[in-house]
Structures are given as C-alpha cells and as structure tokens.
C-alpha cells in the first residue's frame, strides 16, 4: 500500500491519531516546536538526525525509519524489526515508565544492549564498514548533544557496573521460565551482585 502522506512524520502522527498525533501534543511529547512539526510533516523542512532521535525517544518508533523519510515503507519500532502500530506507542510508554532512569546503570545497560544488537544485525545483514560509520556518526551526534567524552576516559568501575548490568539484562531477556515459574523482571534484574 502506498501512503498518501509526504513524510514519515506525517505517517506516524496519523498512526498515533488524536490527540497524540495532533501538532500541539506531538510537539509537547517530542520537544520539537509546533512550527517544526508542521514543516517536517508537510515536507517543507528536512528531518535532521536530532529531530529523528527526539521523535524516536519520545514515541518508540525507529529513528532509522524516521530519518529515511520514505512514507511508503511501513514504520518500525526502535528494534528495527517490529511493525509500529498505535499499540507500540502504548507499550513504549509503559516500558519507559518501568525503567529506573537514563542515568541509572540498568537503563544504560538496556539501551546499550539495543544499540549493540542493532549494530551487530547491521554488520551481519549489510556492509560492516557502513554499520561502523553509522555507529561513529551516532557517537558524534551524542557528543554534540551531551558534550565531548570524559578526559582520561570513563573509570573502570563505571564500565564494569554497566557491563555487569548488561549481562544481567541479557540473561533475563534470554531466560525462558517454565510453566511453574513466575518471572518478575524487577526481582530478577535489580538485586546487586554480592
């Protein structure tokens, strides 16, 4: 099916429907101005990586899909595999509400796992050097938004803490409980290693 919408932002706003997809609400949840939303939706203003990231983080849609700006390609969730629907947004809000926070090791671990998974899938399915270039551009985007890397590097303890949480999140995500086992995400991930 070919979309009659001109941009991916117009498509995603239509999927979200009223009131979430309205200019006012969409502006508020993404942090982009109403004017920018109008211009991007109409195709009168380019979608920048910064705008795509803001939209992706706010509603759980793939930043790659937003950036590609081809409204005839069906939208995907941030995993770049799952089709994006109105239910995707509701699940994204629920997921964001259950995370401890972006500065917490667990939140960082979850995000890094998603980034690494997407990177590895890209390397396997596509040209590895292209995926590395995209990762490098992402690092530059983050550096531009949050400042340069820490002089002297990140402490070994900080890296170890995040890697430990990544291992725990990965173990939890890959665990398949049997019929008699109840799996509580918080109980499984959150306790500190002794």
Foldseek 3Di string as FASTA:
>chain_A
DADPFQWPLLVVLVQLPPPCSPLVNVCVQLVHHSVVSVCVRNVNDACDLSSLVSNCLRQQWDSVRRNVTRNRDFTHGNLVPHGDGNVSRVVSVVVVVPDPDCVDLLNVLVVVVSLVNSLVVCVVVHPNVVSVVVVVVVVVVCCVVPNHADVVHDDPVSVVSNVVLNVQVVCLVPDDDDPVDDDDVCVSRPDDDD
